[in-house]
Amino acid sequence: MNSQELCEKIRQLYPDIGACAIDLNVRYDQEKKAWVVKLEKDGKELETYLEDEEANACMLGRQCISLGIQVSQLATDLKERPATRQTEGV
């Protein structure tokens, strides 16, 4: 599995991510030995980590509950969190 494949699987499970202007980025963190799932929208961003076992189980169609809960929560948090505003002259 690579980051592109995992990203596509997440998009299949949550097609509204792209439709709601939420950007999705997936990369593997060698130090933590986990996948980093990053969602961005309107200058806001959130990350979560998926262990290899969780990501592999999902990719194989066995179980995506943990992945689903984490990505869904990230998407909800992004929608509800107020946008970061920058003040001129500060």
PDB file of N, CA and C in Angstrom:
ATOM      1  N   MET A   1       0.858  -1.175   0.000  1.00  0.00           N
ATOM      2  CA  MET A   1       0.000   0.000   0.000  1.00  0.00           C
ATOM      3  C   MET A   1       0.895   1.226   0.000  1.00  0.00           C
ATOM      4  N   ASN A   2       0.452   2.234  -0.743  1.00  0.00           N
ATOM      5  CA  ASN A   2       1.167   3.503  -0.712  1.00  0.00           C
ATOM      6  C   ASN A   2       0.183   4.617  -0.350  1.00  0.00           C
ATOM      7  N   SER A   3       0.693   5.830  -0.202  1.00  0.00           N
ATOM      8  CA  SER A   3      -0.156   6.938   0.239  1.00  0.00           C
ATOM      9  C   SER A   3      -1.279   7.230  -0.745  1.00  0.00           C
ATOM     10  N   GLN A   4      -1.018   7.075  -2.040  1.00  0.00           N
ATOM     11  CA  GLN A   4      -2.046   7.313  -3.064  1.00  0.00           C
ATOM     12  C   GLN A   4      -3.200   6.324  -2.893  1.00  0.00           C
ATOM     13  N   GLU A   5      -2.885   5.056  -2.677  1.00  0.00           N
ATOM     14  CA  GLU A   5      -3.921   4.033  -2.517  1.00  0.00           C
ATOM     15  C   GLU A   5      -4.763   4.271  -1.268  1.00  0.00           C
ATOM     16  N   LEU A   6      -4.104   4.601  -0.163  1.00  0.00           N
ATOM     17  CA  LEU A   6      -4.840   4.871   1.073  1.00  0.00           C
ATOM     18  C   LEU A   6      -5.699   6.112   0.931  1.00  0.00           C
ATOM     19  N   CYS A   7      -5.176   7.122   0.284  1.00  0.00           N
ATOM     20  CA  CYS A   7      -5.928   8.351   0.039  1.00  0.00           C
ATOM     21  C   CYS A   7      -7.185   8.051  -0.784  1.00  0.00           C
ATOM     22  N   GLU A   8      -7.048   7.251  -1.825  1.00  0.00           N
ATOM     23  CA  GLU A   8      -8.200   6.886  -2.660  1.00  0.00           C
ATOM     24  C   GLU A   8      -9.239   6.106  -1.867  1.00  0.00           C
ATOM     25  N   LYS A   9      -8.787   5.216  -0.981  1.00  0.00           N
ATOM     26  CA  LYS A   9      -9.716   4.437  -0.151  1.00  0.00           C
ATOM     27  C   LYS A   9     -10.504   5.371   0.768  1.00  0.00           C
ATOM     28  N   ILE A  10      -9.830   6.346   1.364  1.00  0.00           N
ATOM     29  CA  ILE A  10     -10.510   7.308   2.231  1.00  0.00           C
ATOM     30  C   ILE A  10     -11.522   8.106   1.427  1.00  0.00           C
ATOM     31  N   ARG A  11     -11.166   8.509   0.218  1.00  0.00           N
ATOM     32  CA  ARG A  11     -12.102   9.256  -0.638  1.00  0.00           C
ATOM     33  C   ARG A  11     -13.310   8.408  -1.028  1.00  0.00           C
ATOM     34  N   GLN A  12     -13.101   7.106  -1.223  1.00  0.00           N
ATOM     35  CA  GLN A  12     -14.225   6.210  -1.525  1.00  0.00           C
ATOM     36  C   GLN A  12     -15.188   6.149  -0.348  1.00  0.00           C
ATOM     37  N   LEU A  13     -14.628   6.068   0.854  1.00  0.00           N
ATOM     38  CA  LEU A  13     -15.456   5.972   2.050  1.00  0.00           C
ATOM     39  C   LEU A  13     -16.150   7.291   2.374  1.00  0.00           C
ATOM     40  N   TYR A  14     -15.489   8.405   2.074  1.00  0.00           N
ATOM     41  CA  TYR A  14     -15.999   9.739   2.411  1.00  0.00           C
ATOM     42  C   TYR A  14     -15.927  10.645   1.191  1.00  0.00           C
ATOM     43  N   PRO A  15     -16.804  10.420   0.205  1.00  0.00           N
ATOM     44  CA  PRO A  15     -16.749  11.213  -1.021  1.00  0.00           C
ATOM     45  C   PRO A  15     -17.016  12.703  -0.796  1.00  0.00           C
ATOM     46  N   ASP A  16     -17.630  13.056   0.330  1.00  0.00           N
ATOM     47  CA  ASP A  16     -17.907  14.468   0.594  1.00  0.00           C
ATOM     48  C   ASP A  16     -16.648  15.249   0.947  1.00  0.00           C
ATOM     49  N   ILE A  17     -15.550  14.559   1.238  1.00  0.00           N
ATOM     50  CA  ILE A  17     -14.305  15.261   1.577  1.00  0.00           C
ATOM     51  C   ILE A  17     -13.907  16.197   0.435  1.00  0.00           C
ATOM     52  N   GLY A  18     -13.857  15.711  -0.769  1.00  0.00           N
ATOM     53  CA  GLY A  18     -13.521  16.559  -1.911  1.00  0.00           C
ATOM     54  C   GLY A  18     -14.638  17.518  -2.268  1.00  0.00           C
ATOM     55  N   ALA A  19     -15.878  17.057  -2.167  1.00  0.00           N
ATOM     56  CA  ALA A  19     -17.027  17.882  -2.539  1.00  0.00           C
ATOM     57  C   ALA A  19     -17.217  19.060  -1.601  1.00  0.00           C
ATOM     58  N   CYS A  20     -16.790  18.914  -0.354  1.00  0.00           N
ATOM     59  CA  CYS A  20     -16.951  19.997   0.627  1.00  0.00           C
ATOM     60  C   CYS A  20     -15.702  20.863   0.715  1.00  0.00           C
ATOM     61  N   ALA A  21     -14.859  20.816  -0.295  1.00  0.00           N
ATOM     62  CA  ALA A  21     -13.633  21.608  -0.359  1.00  0.00           C
ATOM     63  C   ALA A  21     -12.682  21.294   0.798  1.00  0.00           C
ATOM     64  N   ILE A  22     -12.688  20.045   1.236  1.00  0.00           N
ATOM     65  CA  ILE A  22     -11.748  19.595   2.244  1.00  0.00           C
ATOM     66  C   ILE A  22     -10.641  18.839   1.515  1.00  0.00           C
ATOM     67  N   ASP A  23      -9.409  19.336   1.633  1.00  0.00           N
ATOM     68  CA  ASP A  23      -8.271  18.694   1.004  1.00  0.00           C
ATOM     69  C   ASP A  23      -7.772  17.559   1.883  1.00  0.00           C
ATOM     70  N   LEU A  24      -7.356  16.481   1.241  1.00  0.00           N
ATOM     71  CA  LEU A  24      -6.896  15.294   1.933  1.00  0.00           C
ATOM     72  C   LEU A  24      -5.462  15.004   1.521  1.00  0.00           C
ATOM     73  N   ASN A  25      -4.601  14.749   2.497  1.00  0.00           N
ATOM     74  CA  ASN A  25      -3.217  14.405   2.232  1.00  0.00           C
ATOM     75  C   ASN A  25      -2.861  13.234   3.139  1.00  0.00           C
ATOM     76  N   VAL A  26      -2.235  12.221   2.569  1.00  0.00           N
ATOM     77  CA  VAL A  26      -1.841  11.045   3.331  1.00  0.00           C
ATOM     78  C   VAL A  26      -0.352  10.792   3.086  1.00  0.00           C
ATOM     79  N   ARG A  27       0.385  10.571   4.171  1.00  0.00           N
ATOM     80  CA  ARG A  27       1.811  10.242   4.044  1.00  0.00           C
ATOM     81  C   ARG A  27       2.195   9.278   5.165  1.00  0.00           C
ATOM     82  N   TYR A  28       3.292   8.562   4.944  1.00  0.00           N
ATOM     83  CA  TYR A  28       3.767   7.632   5.964  1.00  0.00           C
ATOM     84  C   TYR A  28       4.861   8.298   6.780  1.00  0.00           C
ATOM     85  N   ASP A  29       4.747   8.231   8.100  1.00  0.00           N
ATOM     86  CA  ASP A  29       5.739   8.789   9.007  1.00  0.00           C
ATOM     87  C   ASP A  29       6.638   7.641   9.474  1.00  0.00           C
ATOM     88  N   GLN A  30       7.860   7.615   8.939  1.00  0.00           N
ATOM     89  CA  GLN A  30       8.795   6.530   9.264  1.00  0.00           C
ATOM     90  C   GLN A  30       9.130   6.485  10.753  1.00  0.00           C
ATOM     91  N   GLU A  31       9.267   7.656  11.368  1.00  0.00           N
ATOM     92  CA  GLU A  31       9.631   7.718  12.779  1.00  0.00           C
ATOM     93  C   GLU A  31       8.549   7.111  13.676  1.00  0.00           C
ATOM     94  N   LYS A  32       7.284   7.437  13.379  1.00  0.00           N
ATOM     95  CA  LYS A  32       6.171   6.941  14.198  1.00  0.00           C
ATOM     96  C   LYS A  32       5.626   5.614  13.705  1.00  0.00           C
ATOM     97  N   LYS A  33       6.083   5.193  12.536  1.00  0.00           N
ATOM     98  CA  LYS A  33       5.613   3.943  11.931  1.00  0.00           C
ATOM     99  C   LYS A  33       4.093   3.930  11.820  1.00  0.00           C
ATOM    100  N   ALA A  34       3.561   5.043  11.295  1.00  0.00           N
ATOM    101  CA  ALA A  34       2.110   5.183  11.145  1.00  0.00           C
ATOM    102  C   ALA A  34       1.808   6.102   9.964  1.00  0.00           C
ATOM    103  N   TRP A  35       0.588   5.980   9.458  1.00  0.00           N
ATOM    104  CA  TRP A  35       0.123   6.843   8.376  1.00  0.00           C
ATOM    105  C   TRP A  35      -0.436   8.123   8.973  1.00  0.00           C
ATOM    106  N   VAL A  36      -0.085   9.239   8.372  1.00  0.00           N
ATOM    107  CA  VAL A  36      -0.594  10.540   8.805  1.00  0.00           C
ATOM    108  C   VAL A  36      -1.680  10.947   7.811  1.00  0.00           C
ATOM    109  N   VAL A  37      -2.889  11.148   8.311  1.00  0.00           N
ATOM    110  CA  VAL A  37      -4.012  11.598   7.488  1.00  0.00           C
ATOM    111  C   VAL A  37      -4.255  13.055   7.860  1.00  0.00           C
ATOM    112  N   LYS A  38      -4.103  13.936   6.886  1.00  0.00           N
ATOM    113  CA  LYS A  38      -4.233  15.375   7.121  1.00  0.00           C
ATOM    114  C   LYS A  38      -5.378  15.923   6.282  1.00  0.00           C
ATOM    115  N   LEU A  39      -6.285  16.639   6.948  1.00  0.00           N
ATOM    116  CA  LEU A  39      -7.398  17.297   6.276  1.00  0.00           C
ATOM    117  C   LEU A  39      -7.218  18.806   6.415  1.00  0.00           C
ATOM    118  N   GLU A  40      -7.483  19.536   5.329  1.00  0.00           N
ATOM    119  CA  GLU A  40      -7.357  20.992   5.345  1.00  0.00           C
ATOM    120  C   GLU A  40      -8.577  21.630   4.698  1.00  0.00           C
ATOM    121  N   LYS A  41      -9.002  22.757   5.282  1.00  0.00           N
ATOM    122  CA  LYS A  41     -10.109  23.521   4.711  1.00  0.00           C
ATOM    123  C   LYS A  41     -10.036  24.950   5.239  1.00  0.00           C
ATOM    124  N   ASP A  42     -10.115  25.928   4.347  1.00  0.00           N
ATOM    125  CA  ASP A  42     -10.162  27.339   4.721  1.00  0.00           C
ATOM    126  C   ASP A  42      -9.070  27.740   5.713  1.00  0.00           C
ATOM    127  N   GLY A  43      -7.844  27.283   5.486  1.00  0.00           N
ATOM    128  CA  GLY A  43      -6.744  27.647   6.364  1.00  0.00           C
ATOM    129  C   GLY A  43      -6.689  26.861   7.664  1.00  0.00           C
ATOM    130  N   LYS A  44      -7.607  25.914   7.857  1.00  0.00           N
ATOM    131  CA  LYS A  44      -7.617  25.072   9.054  1.00  0.00           C
ATOM    132  C   LYS A  44      -7.089  23.698   8.668  1.00  0.00           C
ATOM    133  N   GLU A  45      -6.386  23.069   9.576  1.00  0.00           N
ATOM    134  CA  GLU A  45      -5.907  21.720   9.293  1.00  0.00           C
ATOM    135  C   GLU A  45      -5.907  20.873  10.557  1.00  0.00           C
ATOM    136  N   LEU A  46      -6.146  19.588  10.349  1.00  0.00           N
ATOM    137  CA  LEU A  46      -6.135  18.605  11.428  1.00  0.00           C
ATOM    138  C   LEU A  46      -5.440  17.347  10.925  1.00  0.00           C
ATOM    139  N   GLU A  47      -4.779  16.649  11.838  1.00  0.00           N
ATOM    140  CA  GLU A  47      -4.098  15.412  11.497  1.00  0.00           C
ATOM    141  C   GLU A  47      -4.505  14.299  12.447  1.00  0.00           C
ATOM    142  N   THR A  48      -4.445  13.083  11.945  1.00  0.00           N
ATOM    143  CA  THR A  48      -4.596  11.911  12.780  1.00  0.00           C
ATOM    144  C   THR A  48      -3.621  10.859  12.285  1.00  0.00           C
ATOM    145  N   TYR A  49      -3.318   9.901  13.129  1.00  0.00           N
ATOM    146  CA  TYR A  49      -2.400   8.826  12.770  1.00  0.00           C
ATOM    147  C   TYR A  49      -3.150   7.510  12.700  1.00  0.00           C
ATOM    148  N   LEU A  50      -2.815   6.712  11.689  1.00  0.00           N
ATOM    149  CA  LEU A  50      -3.374   5.377  11.547  1.00  0.00           C
ATOM    150  C   LEU A  50      -2.232   4.377  11.620  1.00  0.00           C
ATOM    151  N   GLU A  51      -2.362   3.414  12.504  1.00  0.00           N
ATOM    152  CA  GLU A  51      -1.359   2.356  12.589  1.00  0.00           C
ATOM    153  C   GLU A  51      -1.436   1.505  11.322  1.00  0.00           C
ATOM    154  N   ASP A  52      -0.331   0.854  10.991  1.00  0.00           N
ATOM    155  CA  ASP A  52      -0.279   0.009   9.789  1.00  0.00           C
ATOM    156  C   ASP A  52      -1.390  -1.029   9.763  1.00  0.00           C
ATOM    157  N   GLU A  53      -1.631  -1.687  10.905  1.00  0.00           N
ATOM    158  CA  GLU A  53      -2.660  -2.726  10.963  1.00  0.00           C
ATOM    159  C   GLU A  53      -4.030  -2.182  10.584  1.00  0.00           C
ATOM    160  N   GLU A  54      -4.358  -0.990  11.094  1.00  0.00           N
ATOM    161  CA  GLU A  54      -5.657  -0.380  10.793  1.00  0.00           C
ATOM    162  C   GLU A  54      -5.768  -0.043   9.310  1.00  0.00           C
ATOM    163  N   ALA A  55      -4.738   0.565   8.776  1.00  0.00           N
ATOM    164  CA  ALA A  55      -4.756   0.947   7.365  1.00  0.00           C
ATOM    165  C   ALA A  55      -4.817  -0.288   6.469  1.00  0.00           C
ATOM    166  N   ASN A  56      -4.040  -1.314   6.783  1.00  0.00           N
ATOM    167  CA  ASN A  56      -4.038  -2.540   5.981  1.00  0.00           C
ATOM    168  C   ASN A  56      -5.390  -3.241   6.018  1.00  0.00           C
ATOM    169  N   ALA A  57      -6.006  -3.333   7.192  1.00  0.00           N
ATOM    170  CA  ALA A  57      -7.313  -3.985   7.315  1.00  0.00           C
ATOM    171  C   ALA A  57      -8.347  -3.261   6.463  1.00  0.00           C
ATOM    172  N   CYS A  58      -8.290  -1.965   6.472  1.00  0.00           N
ATOM    173  CA  CYS A  58      -9.227  -1.188   5.676  1.00  0.00           C
ATOM    174  C   CYS A  58      -8.999  -1.408   4.184  1.00  0.00           C
ATOM    175  N   MET A  59      -7.747  -1.362   3.772  1.00  0.00           N
ATOM    176  CA  MET A  59      -7.429  -1.540   2.357  1.00  0.00           C
ATOM    177  C   MET A  59      -7.868  -2.906   1.846  1.00  0.00           C
ATOM    178  N   LEU A  60      -7.837  -3.908   2.720  1.00  0.00           N
ATOM    179  CA  LEU A  60      -8.240  -5.259   2.342  1.00  0.00           C
ATOM    180  C   LEU A  60      -9.747  -5.469   2.453  1.00  0.00           C
ATOM    181  N   GLY A  61     -10.466  -4.436   2.871  1.00  0.00           N
ATOM    182  CA  GLY A  61     -11.916  -4.525   2.963  1.00  0.00           C
ATOM    183  C   GLY A  61     -12.409  -5.253   4.192  1.00  0.00           C
ATOM    184  N   ARG A  62     -11.535  -5.486   5.170  1.00  0.00           N
ATOM    185  CA  ARG A  62     -11.934  -6.222   6.369  1.00  0.00           C
ATOM    186  C   ARG A  62     -12.644  -5.327   7.379  1.00  0.00           C
ATOM    187  N   GLN A  63     -11.996  -4.237   7.725  1.00  0.00           N
ATOM    188  CA  GLN A  63     -12.566  -3.368   8.747  1.00  0.00           C
ATOM    189  C   GLN A  63     -12.034  -1.953   8.557  1.00  0.00           C
ATOM    190  N   CYS A  64     -12.933  -0.998   8.520  1.00  0.00           N
ATOM    191  CA  CYS A  64     -12.539   0.401   8.363  1.00  0.00           C
ATOM    192  C   CYS A  64     -13.155   1.257   9.466  1.00  0.00           C
ATOM    193  N   ILE A  65     -13.552   0.639  10.549  1.00  0.00           N
ATOM    194  CA  ILE A  65     -14.240   1.372  11.604  1.00  0.00           C
ATOM    195  C   ILE A  65     -13.346   2.446  12.205  1.00  0.00           C
ATOM    196  N   SER A  66     -12.152   2.083  12.597  1.00  0.00           N
ATOM    197  CA  SER A  66     -11.251   3.060  13.210  1.00  0.00           C
ATOM    198  C   SER A  66     -10.923   4.189  12.244  1.00  0.00           C
ATOM    199  N   LEU A  67     -10.587   3.832  11.021  1.00  0.00           N
ATOM    200  CA  LEU A  67     -10.303   4.837   9.998  1.00  0.00           C
ATOM    201  C   LEU A  67     -11.513   5.728   9.783  1.00  0.00           C
ATOM    202  N   GLY A  68     -12.676   5.132   9.677  1.00  0.00           N
ATOM    203  CA  GLY A  68     -13.898   5.885   9.457  1.00  0.00           C
ATOM    204  C   GLY A  68     -14.207   6.859  10.574  1.00  0.00           C
ATOM    205  N   ILE A  69     -14.069   6.400  11.813  1.00  0.00           N
ATOM    206  CA  ILE A  69     -14.342   7.267  12.960  1.00  0.00           C
ATOM    207  C   ILE A  69     -13.366   8.438  12.984  1.00  0.00           C
ATOM    208  N   GLN A  70     -12.089   8.163  12.779  1.00  0.00           N
ATOM    209  CA  GLN A  70     -11.081   9.220  12.836  1.00  0.00           C
ATOM    210  C   GLN A  70     -11.259  10.251  11.727  1.00  0.00           C
ATOM    211  N   VAL A  71     -11.451   9.794  10.494  1.00  0.00           N
ATOM    212  CA  VAL A  71     -11.594  10.718   9.376  1.00  0.00           C
ATOM    213  C   VAL A  71     -12.894  11.498   9.493  1.00  0.00           C
ATOM    214  N   SER A  72     -13.976  10.840   9.911  1.00  0.00           N
ATOM    215  CA  SER A  72     -15.249  11.524  10.094  1.00  0.00           C
ATOM    216  C   SER A  72     -15.140  12.612  11.161  1.00  0.00           C
ATOM    217  N   GLN A  73     -14.462  12.294  12.275  1.00  0.00           N
ATOM    218  CA  GLN A  73     -14.291  13.276  13.341  1.00  0.00           C
ATOM    219  C   GLN A  73     -13.448  14.456  12.875  1.00  0.00           C
ATOM    220  N   LEU A  74     -12.406  14.186  12.109  1.00  0.00           N
ATOM    221  CA  LEU A  74     -11.579  15.267  11.576  1.00  0.00           C
ATOM    222  C   LEU A  74     -12.399  16.176  10.667  1.00  0.00           C
ATOM    223  N   ALA A  75     -13.196  15.588   9.793  1.00  0.00           N
ATOM    224  CA  ALA A  75     -14.013  16.379   8.877  1.00  0.00           C
ATOM    225  C   ALA A  75     -15.014  17.237   9.650  1.00  0.00           C
ATOM    226  N   THR A  76     -15.642  16.670  10.672  1.00  0.00           N
ATOM    227  CA  THR A  76     -16.596  17.415  11.504  1.00  0.00           C
ATOM    228  C   THR A  76     -15.900  18.550  12.228  1.00  0.00           C
ATOM    229  N   ASP A  77     -14.742  18.270  12.814  1.00  0.00           N
ATOM    230  CA  ASP A  77     -13.986  19.309  13.515  1.00  0.00           C
ATOM    231  C   ASP A  77     -13.619  20.459  12.589  1.00  0.00           C
ATOM    232  N   LEU A  78     -13.212  20.139  11.369  1.00  0.00           N
ATOM    233  CA  LEU A  78     -12.851  21.187  10.409  1.00  0.00           C
ATOM    234  C   LEU A  78     -14.049  22.061  10.064  1.00  0.00           C
ATOM    235  N   LYS A  79     -15.194  21.444   9.901  1.00  0.00           N
ATOM    236  CA  LYS A  79     -16.399  22.203   9.542  1.00  0.00           C
ATOM    237  C   LYS A  79     -16.844  23.108  10.685  1.00  0.00           C
ATOM    238  N   GLU A  80     -16.655  22.644  11.932  1.00  0.00           N
ATOM    239  CA  GLU A  80     -17.145  23.398  13.090  1.00  0.00           C
ATOM    240  C   GLU A  80     -16.144  24.406  13.634  1.00  0.00           C
ATOM    241  N   ARG A  81     -14.865  24.185  13.425  1.00  0.00           N
ATOM    242  CA  ARG A  81     -13.836  25.076  13.972  1.00  0.00           C
ATOM    243  C   ARG A  81     -13.823  26.381  13.183  1.00  0.00           C
ATOM    244  N   PRO A  82     -13.811  27.517  13.886  1.00  0.00           N
ATOM    245  CA  PRO A  82     -13.779  28.794  13.164  1.00  0.00           C
ATOM    246  C   PRO A  82     -12.476  28.962  12.406  1.00  0.00           C
ATOM    247  N   ALA A  83     -12.555  29.620  11.276  1.00  0.00           N
ATOM    248  CA  ALA A  83     -11.383  29.862  10.449  1.00  0.00           C
ATOM    249  C   ALA A  83     -10.399  30.755  11.182  1.00  0.00           C
ATOM    250  N   THR A  84      -9.125  30.529  10.929  1.00  0.00           N
ATOM    251  CA  THR A  84      -8.082  31.349  11.510  1.00  0.00           C
ATOM    252  C   THR A  84      -8.044  32.681  10.768  1.00  0.00           C
ATOM    253  N   ARG A  85      -8.119  33.778  11.514  1.00  0.00           N
ATOM    254  CA  ARG A  85      -8.086  35.101  10.889  1.00  0.00           C
ATOM    255  C   ARG A  85      -6.778  35.773  11.231  1.00  0.00           C
ATOM    256  N   GLN A  86      -6.223  36.434  10.242  1.00  0.00           N
ATOM    257  CA  GLN A  86      -5.016  37.207  10.471  1.00  0.00           C
ATOM    258  C   GLN A  86      -5.384  38.673  10.480  1.00  0.00           C
ATOM    259  N   THR A  87      -4.895  39.378  11.476  1.00  0.00           N
ATOM    260  CA  THR A  87      -5.194  40.796  11.600  1.00  0.00           C
ATOM    261  C   THR A  87      -4.071  41.599  10.973  1.00  0.00           C
ATOM    262  N   GLU A  88      -4.427  42.603  10.156  1.00  0.00           N
ATOM    263  CA  GLU A  88      -3.416  43.454   9.522  1.00  0.00           C
ATOM    264  C   GLU A  88      -2.639  44.212  10.565  1.00  0.00           C
ATOM    265  N   GLY A  89      -1.324  44.335  10.330  1.00  0.00           N
ATOM    266  CA  GLY A  89      -0.494  45.124  11.202  1.00  0.00           C
ATOM    267  C   GLY A  89      -0.062  44.414  12.474  1.00  0.00           C
ATOM    268  N   VAL A  90      -0.446  43.146  12.626  1.00  0.00           N
ATOM    269  CA  VAL A  90      -0.048  42.413  13.839  1.00  0.00           C
ATOM    270  C   VAL A  90       1.126  41.535  13.513  1.00  0.00           C
TER     271      VAL A  90
END
